[in-house]
Structure formats: structure tokens, C-alpha cells
Amino acid sequence: TQSPAGVLITDTQGVIEYVNPRLMAMTGYSESEILGQTPQLFKSGQTSEQIYQGLWQALQQGDSWHGEMLNRRKDGRELWVMQMISPLRDSAGRLTHFISIQEDIAEQKALVQQMEAARLAAEAAAATKSAFLANMSHEIRTPMNAIIGMADLALRDTLPERTRQFLQKLLGSARG
């Protein structure tokens, strides 16, 4: 059965000795193009040197390394992978190989980018709404102040009771 993860095994010098069909499918290279090469074959130049330094530091200490890497397919397209690299030892504890297990995470990366774009769009919409409401509030407040002032002046005059009640209701509503 086909493994969902790409698997690559190198000797202690990093020369590739084994690759599974999934890794070939992910990278676009054939087995004969990969075997005998080093993982530099997949290097895109887009992964920071700090990541490579951390990877080698962990492996030299006998630890596994886990992280994301932006690699390159044979056709030049980007290949985002989540990768775990571990040292393999023989029964005497001597380092014999390194194994890399890789998962193509392009879909997850695209989803994160879509979510970020949606978040930025929502923030822009909220800012536009706030500016609109502030502007409308100002546009309404100016004539409302004139209405309140006129109603106050009118109530100083002698008015029929019904008119006075209307003006008092208007003032109550206008002042909120």
C-alpha cells in the first residue's frame, strides 16, 4: 500500500540510499534521479540557514528534528513539507543512517493564507463600517442640534398645550 508520507533514508554522510514511492510522487523525481544524491537536491533556497543549522545540531547530538521546510520539486514548483528527521543506530548504538519522514503541507499553508486574507478583509470592513458610522453620527448630530435648539426656543413661547407636548416628546427623543 502507498504510504501517505514521503520516506527518505540517507547514510551518515547524507547520501540518499532509499526513497519510497510517495516521496517520488511529491517531488517529481524518479528513484534513479534521487538515489546517490543528497537532500540538497530538493533545496529551494527559501528555507533559512537557521533551520538547517538547528537540524544538523539536533542530529549531531543524536536527537530527532521536526519542522517545516520549503523545498523544490523537479519542475521547480514549491513543495512545503512538515518533516521529521531521526538518526538510526545499529544494535551497538552506532549511528548508521538518517531517516526523513515528510508530509506535503501545501494545502494547510494555502488554508492559513486564505484565513489570514479573510481576517485582513474583515478588519478592513470593520474599519470602513466604523468610519461610516462616525461620519453618519456627525452628519445626524449637526441637524439634530439645530432641531433641539429650535424646540427649546419654541417652548419658551406661549403655545397651545398639545403643541407643547409634541415639542417635549421631540426633545425627549432627540436627547435620547
N, C-alpha and C. Protein backbone atom coordinates (compact mmCIF):
# COMPACT_ATOMS: atom_id res chain seq x y z
N THR A 1 0.84 -1.20 0.00
CA THR A 1 0.00 0.00 0.00
C THR A 1 0.88 1.25 0.00
N GLN A 2 0.35 2.31 -0.54
CA GLN A 2 1.08 3.57 -0.64
C GLN A 2 1.05 4.30 0.70
N SER A 3 2.22 4.67 1.22
CA SER A 3 2.31 5.43 2.46
C SER A 3 1.85 6.86 2.21
N PRO A 4 1.13 7.46 3.18
CA PRO A 4 0.72 8.86 3.00
C PRO A 4 1.88 9.83 3.18
N ALA A 5 3.01 9.33 3.71
CA ALA A 5 4.17 10.18 3.96
C ALA A 5 5.33 9.78 3.05
N GLY A 6 6.12 10.77 2.68
CA GLY A 6 7.33 10.50 1.94
C GLY A 6 8.41 10.04 2.90
N VAL A 7 9.16 9.02 2.51
CA VAL A 7 10.23 8.50 3.36
C VAL A 7 11.53 8.49 2.56
N LEU A 8 12.59 8.95 3.23
CA LEU A 8 13.90 9.04 2.61
C LEU A 8 14.91 8.57 3.66
N ILE A 9 15.85 7.71 3.27
CA ILE A 9 16.89 7.26 4.19
C ILE A 9 18.24 7.57 3.58
N THR A 10 19.11 8.20 4.40
CA THR A 10 20.47 8.52 3.93
C THR A 10 21.49 7.79 4.80
N ASP A 11 22.72 7.69 4.27
CA ASP A 11 23.81 7.19 5.11
C ASP A 11 24.24 8.34 6.04
N THR A 12 25.28 8.13 6.81
CA THR A 12 25.70 9.14 7.78
C THR A 12 26.26 10.40 7.12
N GLN A 13 26.63 10.30 5.84
CA GLN A 13 27.13 11.47 5.10
C GLN A 13 26.00 12.22 4.38
N GLY A 14 24.78 11.72 4.49
CA GLY A 14 23.64 12.38 3.85
C GLY A 14 23.36 11.91 2.44
N VAL A 15 24.01 10.84 1.98
CA VAL A 15 23.77 10.31 0.63
C VAL A 15 22.52 9.43 0.69
N ILE A 16 21.58 9.70 -0.20
CA ILE A 16 20.28 9.02 -0.19
C ILE A 16 20.44 7.57 -0.67
N GLU A 17 19.98 6.64 0.19
CA GLU A 17 20.06 5.21 -0.13
C GLU A 17 18.69 4.59 -0.38
N TYR A 18 17.62 5.24 0.11
CA TYR A 18 16.27 4.70 -0.07
C TYR A 18 15.29 5.86 -0.17
N VAL A 19 14.29 5.68 -1.05
CA VAL A 19 13.20 6.65 -1.17
C VAL A 19 11.93 5.85 -1.48
N ASN A 20 10.82 6.22 -0.85
CA ASN A 20 9.58 5.49 -1.13
C ASN A 20 8.80 6.15 -2.28
N PRO A 21 7.79 5.45 -2.83
CA PRO A 21 7.03 6.00 -3.96
C PRO A 21 6.34 7.34 -3.65
N ARG A 22 5.90 7.53 -2.41
CA ARG A 22 5.21 8.78 -2.07
C ARG A 22 6.17 9.96 -2.19
N LEU A 23 7.41 9.81 -1.75
CA LEU A 23 8.36 10.91 -1.85
C LEU A 23 8.65 11.21 -3.32
N MET A 24 8.74 10.17 -4.15
CA MET A 24 8.95 10.40 -5.59
C MET A 24 7.76 11.17 -6.17
N ALA A 25 6.54 10.79 -5.76
CA ALA A 25 5.34 11.48 -6.26
C ALA A 25 5.32 12.94 -5.80
N MET A 26 5.72 13.18 -4.54
CA MET A 26 5.73 14.55 -4.01
C MET A 26 6.73 15.44 -4.74
N THR A 27 7.92 14.89 -5.06
CA THR A 27 9.00 15.70 -5.63
C THR A 27 9.05 15.70 -7.15
N GLY A 28 8.47 14.67 -7.77
CA GLY A 28 8.52 14.58 -9.23
C GLY A 28 9.79 13.93 -9.76
N TYR A 29 10.68 13.50 -8.88
CA TYR A 29 11.91 12.83 -9.30
C TYR A 29 11.69 11.33 -9.32
N SER A 30 12.43 10.63 -10.18
CA SER A 30 12.39 9.16 -10.20
C SER A 30 13.39 8.63 -9.18
N GLU A 31 13.28 7.35 -8.88
CA GLU A 31 14.19 6.73 -7.92
C GLU A 31 15.65 6.88 -8.37
N SER A 32 15.90 6.65 -9.65
CA SER A 32 17.28 6.73 -10.15
C SER A 32 17.82 8.16 -10.09
N GLU A 33 16.94 9.16 -10.15
CA GLU A 33 17.40 10.56 -10.07
C GLU A 33 17.70 10.96 -8.62
N ILE A 34 17.11 10.24 -7.66
CA ILE A 34 17.27 10.59 -6.24
C ILE A 34 18.40 9.81 -5.58
N LEU A 35 18.44 8.49 -5.80
CA LEU A 35 19.44 7.65 -5.12
C LEU A 35 20.85 8.11 -5.47
N GLY A 36 21.70 8.18 -4.44
CA GLY A 36 23.07 8.64 -4.64
C GLY A 36 23.23 10.15 -4.50
N GLN A 37 22.13 10.88 -4.50
CA GLN A 37 22.15 12.33 -4.30
C GLN A 37 22.05 12.62 -2.79
N THR A 38 22.11 13.90 -2.41
CA THR A 38 21.85 14.30 -1.03
C THR A 38 20.53 15.08 -1.03
N PRO A 39 19.94 15.29 0.14
CA PRO A 39 18.69 16.07 0.18
C PRO A 39 18.82 17.49 -0.36
N GLN A 40 20.07 17.93 -0.62
CA GLN A 40 20.28 19.24 -1.26
C GLN A 40 19.53 19.30 -2.60
N LEU A 41 19.29 18.16 -3.18
CA LEU A 41 18.56 18.07 -4.46
C LEU A 41 17.22 18.81 -4.38
N PHE A 42 16.61 18.80 -3.19
CA PHE A 42 15.28 19.39 -3.02
C PHE A 42 15.32 20.82 -2.48
N LYS A 43 16.52 21.32 -2.22
CA LYS A 43 16.67 22.63 -1.59
C LYS A 43 16.15 23.74 -2.50
N SER A 44 15.30 24.60 -1.93
CA SER A 44 14.71 25.69 -2.72
C SER A 44 15.47 26.99 -2.58
N GLY A 45 16.28 27.10 -1.51
CA GLY A 45 16.92 28.38 -1.24
C GLY A 45 16.02 29.30 -0.43
N GLN A 46 14.80 28.83 -0.14
CA GLN A 46 13.82 29.65 0.59
C GLN A 46 13.77 29.32 2.08
N THR A 47 14.40 28.24 2.49
CA THR A 47 14.42 27.87 3.90
C THR A 47 15.64 28.51 4.54
N SER A 48 15.45 29.14 5.71
CA SER A 48 16.54 29.89 6.34
C SER A 48 17.66 28.97 6.80
N GLU A 49 18.87 29.53 6.81
CA GLU A 49 20.04 28.76 7.25
C GLU A 49 19.91 28.35 8.71
N GLN A 50 19.19 29.16 9.53
CA GLN A 50 19.00 28.81 10.94
C GLN A 50 18.28 27.48 11.08
N ILE A 51 17.35 27.20 10.19
CA ILE A 51 16.61 25.93 10.24
C ILE A 51 17.57 24.78 9.96
N TYR A 52 18.41 24.93 8.93
CA TYR A 52 19.38 23.87 8.62
C TYR A 52 20.38 23.68 9.76
N GLN A 53 20.83 24.80 10.36
CA GLN A 53 21.78 24.72 11.47
C GLN A 53 21.15 23.99 12.66
N GLY A 54 19.89 24.32 12.98
CA GLY A 54 19.18 23.67 14.08
C GLY A 54 18.98 22.18 13.80
N LEU A 55 18.69 21.86 12.54
CA LEU A 55 18.51 20.47 12.13
C LEU A 55 19.79 19.68 12.37
N TRP A 56 20.92 20.18 11.86
CA TRP A 56 22.18 19.45 11.99
C TRP A 56 22.67 19.39 13.43
N GLN A 57 22.41 20.46 14.17
CA GLN A 57 22.80 20.47 15.58
C GLN A 57 22.04 19.36 16.33
N ALA A 58 20.74 19.24 16.09
CA ALA A 58 19.94 18.19 16.74
C ALA A 58 20.45 16.81 16.34
N LEU A 59 20.66 16.59 15.05
CA LEU A 59 21.11 15.27 14.57
C LEU A 59 22.49 14.91 15.11
N GLN A 60 23.39 15.89 15.17
CA GLN A 60 24.74 15.61 15.69
C GLN A 60 24.71 15.24 17.18
N GLN A 61 23.69 15.74 17.89
CA GLN A 61 23.54 15.41 19.31
C GLN A 61 22.78 14.10 19.49
N GLY A 62 22.40 13.49 18.37
CA GLY A 62 21.67 12.22 18.45
C GLY A 62 20.18 12.38 18.63
N ASP A 63 19.68 13.62 18.48
CA ASP A 63 18.25 13.89 18.63
C ASP A 63 17.55 13.92 17.29
N SER A 64 16.24 13.79 17.33
CA SER A 64 15.43 13.96 16.12
C SER A 64 15.16 15.45 15.91
N TRP A 65 14.83 15.81 14.67
CA TRP A 65 14.46 17.19 14.34
C TRP A 65 13.10 17.15 13.67
N HIS A 66 12.28 18.16 13.97
CA HIS A 66 10.93 18.23 13.41
C HIS A 66 10.66 19.68 13.02
N GLY A 67 10.18 19.90 11.81
CA GLY A 67 9.85 21.27 11.41
C GLY A 67 9.38 21.35 9.97
N GLU A 68 9.06 22.60 9.57
CA GLU A 68 8.60 22.87 8.20
C GLU A 68 9.78 23.30 7.35
N MET A 69 9.67 22.94 6.07
CA MET A 69 10.70 23.33 5.12
C MET A 69 10.05 23.63 3.77
N LEU A 70 10.54 24.63 3.11
CA LEU A 70 10.07 24.93 1.76
C LEU A 70 11.09 24.34 0.79
N ASN A 71 10.73 23.22 0.18
CA ASN A 71 11.61 22.54 -0.78
C ASN A 71 11.17 22.87 -2.20
N ARG A 72 11.82 22.21 -3.17
CA ARG A 72 11.52 22.45 -4.58
C ARG A 72 11.32 21.10 -5.27
N ARG A 73 10.29 21.04 -6.09
CA ARG A 73 10.04 19.85 -6.90
C ARG A 73 10.96 19.87 -8.12
N LYS A 74 10.99 18.76 -8.83
CA LYS A 74 11.82 18.66 -10.04
C LYS A 74 11.44 19.74 -11.05
N ASP A 75 10.12 20.03 -11.16
CA ASP A 75 9.66 21.04 -12.15
C ASP A 75 9.85 22.48 -11.67
N GLY A 76 10.44 22.64 -10.45
CA GLY A 76 10.72 23.98 -9.95
C GLY A 76 9.65 24.55 -9.04
N ARG A 77 8.49 23.89 -8.99
CA ARG A 77 7.42 24.39 -8.12
C ARG A 77 7.79 24.18 -6.65
N GLU A 78 7.20 25.02 -5.79
CA GLU A 78 7.42 24.92 -4.34
C GLU A 78 6.82 23.64 -3.79
N LEU A 79 7.46 23.13 -2.74
CA LEU A 79 6.95 21.95 -2.03
C LEU A 79 7.12 22.20 -0.54
N TRP A 80 6.02 22.57 0.12
CA TRP A 80 6.04 22.76 1.58
C TRP A 80 5.91 21.40 2.23
N VAL A 81 6.86 21.07 3.12
CA VAL A 81 6.80 19.80 3.83
C VAL A 81 6.94 20.01 5.34
N MET A 82 6.20 19.19 6.08
CA MET A 82 6.43 19.03 7.51
C MET A 82 7.30 17.79 7.59
N GLN A 83 8.42 17.89 8.26
CA GLN A 83 9.42 16.84 8.17
C GLN A 83 9.94 16.45 9.55
N MET A 84 10.17 15.17 9.74
CA MET A 84 10.83 14.69 10.95
C MET A 84 12.03 13.87 10.48
N ILE A 85 13.18 14.23 11.01
CA ILE A 85 14.42 13.52 10.65
C ILE A 85 14.98 12.93 11.94
N SER A 86 15.30 11.65 11.89
CA SER A 86 15.82 10.96 13.07
C SER A 86 17.07 10.16 12.72
N PRO A 87 18.00 10.08 13.69
CA PRO A 87 19.16 9.21 13.49
C PRO A 87 18.76 7.75 13.70
N LEU A 88 19.34 6.84 12.92
CA LEU A 88 19.13 5.40 13.10
C LEU A 88 20.44 4.78 13.56
N ARG A 89 20.33 3.88 14.53
CA ARG A 89 21.53 3.27 15.11
C ARG A 89 21.46 1.75 15.00
N ASP A 90 22.63 1.13 14.98
CA ASP A 90 22.66 -0.34 14.97
C ASP A 90 22.53 -0.85 16.40
N SER A 91 22.58 -2.16 16.57
CA SER A 91 22.37 -2.75 17.89
C SER A 91 23.45 -2.35 18.89
N ALA A 92 24.62 -1.93 18.41
CA ALA A 92 25.70 -1.48 19.30
C ALA A 92 25.58 0.01 19.61
N GLY A 93 24.55 0.69 19.04
CA GLY A 93 24.35 2.11 19.30
C GLY A 93 25.10 3.03 18.35
N ARG A 94 25.73 2.48 17.34
CA ARG A 94 26.47 3.31 16.37
C ARG A 94 25.50 3.89 15.33
N LEU A 95 25.70 5.16 15.02
CA LEU A 95 24.89 5.82 14.00
C LEU A 95 25.14 5.17 12.65
N THR A 96 24.07 4.76 11.97
CA THR A 96 24.23 4.13 10.65
C THR A 96 23.53 4.90 9.54
N HIS A 97 22.40 5.53 9.84
CA HIS A 97 21.60 6.22 8.83
C HIS A 97 20.81 7.36 9.46
N PHE A 98 20.23 8.17 8.59
CA PHE A 98 19.22 9.15 8.99
C PHE A 98 17.96 8.82 8.21
N ILE A 99 16.81 8.95 8.86
CA ILE A 99 15.54 8.73 8.16
C ILE A 99 14.74 10.03 8.22
N SER A 100 14.18 10.40 7.09
CA SER A 100 13.34 11.59 6.99
C SER A 100 11.94 11.14 6.58
N ILE A 101 10.96 11.56 7.37
CA ILE A 101 9.56 11.30 7.05
C ILE A 101 8.93 12.66 6.77
N GLN A 102 8.33 12.79 5.58
CA GLN A 102 7.85 14.10 5.13
C GLN A 102 6.38 14.03 4.72
N GLU A 103 5.68 15.12 5.04
CA GLU A 103 4.28 15.24 4.63
C GLU A 103 4.13 16.53 3.85
N ASP A 104 3.47 16.47 2.71
CA ASP A 104 3.19 17.65 1.89
C ASP A 104 2.13 18.48 2.62
N ILE A 105 2.48 19.72 3.00
CA ILE A 105 1.54 20.56 3.75
C ILE A 105 1.10 21.79 2.94
N ALA A 106 1.16 21.70 1.61
CA ALA A 106 0.78 22.83 0.76
C ALA A 106 -0.66 23.25 1.01
N GLU A 107 -1.57 22.28 1.16
CA GLU A 107 -2.98 22.62 1.37
C GLU A 107 -3.17 23.36 2.69
N GLN A 108 -2.48 22.92 3.75
CA GLN A 108 -2.58 23.60 5.03
C GLN A 108 -2.03 25.02 4.94
N LYS A 109 -0.91 25.18 4.23
CA LYS A 109 -0.32 26.50 4.04
C LYS A 109 -1.28 27.42 3.28
N ALA A 110 -1.92 26.89 2.24
CA ALA A 110 -2.88 27.68 1.46
C ALA A 110 -4.06 28.09 2.33
N LEU A 111 -4.52 27.17 3.17
CA LEU A 111 -5.64 27.45 4.05
C LEU A 111 -5.28 28.55 5.05
N VAL A 112 -4.07 28.50 5.60
CA VAL A 112 -3.62 29.54 6.53
C VAL A 112 -3.59 30.90 5.81
N GLN A 113 -3.10 30.92 4.57
CA GLN A 113 -3.06 32.17 3.81
C GLN A 113 -4.46 32.70 3.54
N GLN A 114 -5.40 31.79 3.21
CA GLN A 114 -6.78 32.21 2.97
C GLN A 114 -7.40 32.77 4.24
N MET A 115 -7.12 32.12 5.37
CA MET A 115 -7.66 32.61 6.64
C MET A 115 -7.10 33.98 6.99
N GLU A 116 -5.81 34.18 6.73
CA GLU A 116 -5.19 35.47 7.01
C GLU A 116 -5.79 36.55 6.09
N ALA A 117 -6.00 36.22 4.82
CA ALA A 117 -6.61 37.19 3.90
C ALA A 117 -8.03 37.52 4.35
N ALA A 118 -8.78 36.52 4.80
CA ALA A 118 -10.15 36.76 5.29
C ALA A 118 -10.13 37.63 6.54
N ARG A 119 -9.16 37.38 7.43
CA ARG A 119 -9.04 38.19 8.65
C ARG A 119 -8.75 39.65 8.29
N LEU A 120 -7.82 39.86 7.36
CA LEU A 120 -7.49 41.22 6.94
C LEU A 120 -8.69 41.91 6.29
N ALA A 121 -9.44 41.15 5.47
CA ALA A 121 -10.63 41.71 4.82
C ALA A 121 -11.68 42.09 5.87
N ALA A 122 -11.85 41.23 6.89
CA ALA A 122 -12.82 41.51 7.95
C ALA A 122 -12.40 42.75 8.74
N GLU A 123 -11.10 42.88 9.01
CA GLU A 123 -10.61 44.07 9.72
C GLU A 123 -10.84 45.34 8.88
N ALA A 124 -10.59 45.23 7.58
CA ALA A 124 -10.81 46.39 6.70
C ALA A 124 -12.29 46.76 6.66
N ALA A 125 -13.16 45.74 6.60
CA ALA A 125 -14.61 46.00 6.59
C ALA A 125 -15.04 46.64 7.91
N ALA A 126 -14.51 46.18 9.02
CA ALA A 126 -14.86 46.75 10.33
C ALA A 126 -14.40 48.20 10.42
N ALA A 127 -13.20 48.49 9.89
CA ALA A 127 -12.70 49.87 9.90
C ALA A 127 -13.56 50.76 9.02
N THR A 128 -13.97 50.26 7.86
CA THR A 128 -14.85 51.01 6.96
C THR A 128 -16.19 51.29 7.63
N LYS A 129 -16.74 50.27 8.29
CA LYS A 129 -18.02 50.42 8.99
C LYS A 129 -17.89 51.46 10.10
N SER A 130 -16.80 51.40 10.87
CA SER A 130 -16.60 52.37 11.96
C SER A 130 -16.50 53.79 11.41
N ALA A 131 -15.76 53.96 10.32
CA ALA A 131 -15.63 55.29 9.71
C ALA A 131 -16.97 55.78 9.20
N PHE A 132 -17.75 54.88 8.58
CA PHE A 132 -19.08 55.24 8.08
C PHE A 132 -19.98 55.66 9.24
N LEU A 133 -20.00 54.87 10.30
CA LEU A 133 -20.87 55.20 11.45
C LEU A 133 -20.45 56.50 12.12
N ALA A 134 -19.14 56.75 12.22
CA ALA A 134 -18.67 58.00 12.82
C ALA A 134 -19.11 59.18 11.95
N ASN A 135 -18.99 59.03 10.65
CA ASN A 135 -19.39 60.08 9.71
C ASN A 135 -20.90 60.32 9.78
N MET A 136 -21.68 59.22 9.79
CA MET A 136 -23.14 59.35 9.86
C MET A 136 -23.56 59.99 11.18
N SER A 137 -22.89 59.61 12.27
CA SER A 137 -23.20 60.18 13.57
C SER A 137 -23.00 61.69 13.52
N HIS A 138 -21.90 62.12 12.91
CA HIS A 138 -21.64 63.54 12.78
C HIS A 138 -22.69 64.21 11.90
N GLU A 139 -23.02 63.55 10.78
CA GLU A 139 -24.00 64.11 9.84
C GLU A 139 -25.38 64.25 10.48
N ILE A 140 -25.72 63.34 11.37
CA ILE A 140 -27.04 63.39 12.03
C ILE A 140 -27.01 64.36 13.21
N ARG A 141 -25.90 64.40 13.94
CA ARG A 141 -25.80 65.23 15.14
C ARG A 141 -25.95 66.72 14.80
N THR A 142 -25.39 67.17 13.70
CA THR A 142 -25.43 68.59 13.34
C THR A 142 -26.87 69.09 13.16
N PRO A 143 -27.69 68.44 12.29
CA PRO A 143 -29.08 68.93 12.19
C PRO A 143 -29.89 68.66 13.47
N MET A 144 -29.54 67.59 14.20
CA MET A 144 -30.27 67.27 15.43
C MET A 144 -30.07 68.37 16.46
N ASN A 145 -28.84 68.92 16.55
CA ASN A 145 -28.58 70.02 17.48
C ASN A 145 -29.43 71.23 17.12
N ALA A 146 -29.61 71.48 15.82
CA ALA A 146 -30.45 72.61 15.39
C ALA A 146 -31.90 72.35 15.78
N ILE A 147 -32.38 71.12 15.62
CA ILE A 147 -33.77 70.78 15.99
C ILE A 147 -33.98 70.96 17.49
N ILE A 148 -33.02 70.49 18.29
CA ILE A 148 -33.13 70.63 19.75
C ILE A 148 -33.16 72.10 20.14
N GLY A 149 -32.26 72.88 19.54
CA GLY A 149 -32.22 74.33 19.84
C GLY A 149 -33.52 75.03 19.48
N MET A 150 -34.06 74.70 18.32
CA MET A 150 -35.32 75.34 17.89
C MET A 150 -36.48 74.91 18.79
N ALA A 151 -36.50 73.62 19.17
CA ALA A 151 -37.58 73.14 20.04
C ALA A 151 -37.49 73.83 21.41
N ASP A 152 -36.28 74.01 21.95
CA ASP A 152 -36.09 74.72 23.23
C ASP A 152 -36.62 76.15 23.12
N LEU A 153 -36.26 76.83 22.02
CA LEU A 153 -36.73 78.21 21.83
C LEU A 153 -38.26 78.27 21.73
N ALA A 154 -38.83 77.32 20.98
CA ALA A 154 -40.28 77.31 20.81
C ALA A 154 -40.99 77.10 22.15
N LEU A 155 -40.43 76.29 23.02
CA LEU A 155 -41.07 76.01 24.33
C LEU A 155 -41.05 77.22 25.26
N ARG A 156 -40.21 78.22 24.96
CA ARG A 156 -40.18 79.45 25.77
C ARG A 156 -41.37 80.35 25.45
N ASP A 157 -41.95 80.12 24.29
CA ASP A 157 -43.11 80.92 23.89
C ASP A 157 -44.38 80.32 24.51
N THR A 158 -45.42 81.10 24.47
CA THR A 158 -46.73 80.62 24.90
C THR A 158 -47.30 79.80 23.75
N LEU A 159 -47.55 78.51 24.04
CA LEU A 159 -48.02 77.60 22.99
C LEU A 159 -49.24 76.85 23.49
N PRO A 160 -50.07 76.37 22.55
CA PRO A 160 -51.18 75.50 22.97
C PRO A 160 -50.59 74.25 23.62
N GLU A 161 -51.29 73.66 24.61
CA GLU A 161 -50.79 72.51 25.36
C GLU A 161 -50.41 71.34 24.45
N ARG A 162 -51.21 71.07 23.44
CA ARG A 162 -50.94 69.96 22.52
C ARG A 162 -49.62 70.17 21.78
N THR A 163 -49.34 71.37 21.32
CA THR A 163 -48.08 71.69 20.63
C THR A 163 -46.91 71.54 21.60
N ARG A 164 -47.10 72.02 22.86
CA ARG A 164 -46.06 71.92 23.89
C ARG A 164 -45.71 70.44 24.13
N GLN A 165 -46.73 69.56 24.20
CA GLN A 165 -46.50 68.13 24.42
C GLN A 165 -45.70 67.51 23.25
N PHE A 166 -46.07 67.92 22.03
CA PHE A 166 -45.33 67.42 20.86
C PHE A 166 -43.85 67.82 20.92
N LEU A 167 -43.62 69.10 21.26
CA LEU A 167 -42.24 69.60 21.33
C LEU A 167 -41.46 68.90 22.45
N GLN A 168 -42.12 68.63 23.60
CA GLN A 168 -41.43 67.95 24.71
C GLN A 168 -41.08 66.49 24.32
N LYS A 169 -42.00 65.82 23.61
CA LYS A 169 -41.70 64.47 23.13
C LYS A 169 -40.54 64.50 22.13
N LEU A 170 -40.56 65.50 21.25
CA LEU A 170 -39.49 65.64 20.26
C LEU A 170 -38.16 65.83 20.97
N LEU A 171 -38.10 66.70 21.99
CA LEU A 171 -36.87 66.93 22.74
C LEU A 171 -36.42 65.68 23.48
N GLY A 172 -37.35 64.98 24.08
CA GLY A 172 -37.00 63.74 24.78
C GLY A 172 -36.39 62.71 23.85
N SER A 173 -36.98 62.55 22.68
CA SER A 173 -36.45 61.61 21.69
C SER A 173 -35.10 62.07 21.14
N ALA A 174 -34.98 63.35 20.87
CA ALA A 174 -33.75 63.88 20.28
C ALA A 174 -32.58 63.78 21.25
N ARG A 175 -32.84 63.92 22.53
CA ARG A 175 -31.76 63.87 23.53
C ARG A 175 -31.44 62.42 23.90
N GLY A 176 -32.31 61.48 23.53
CA GLY A 176 -32.06 60.06 23.68
C GLY A 176 -32.08 59.58 25.07
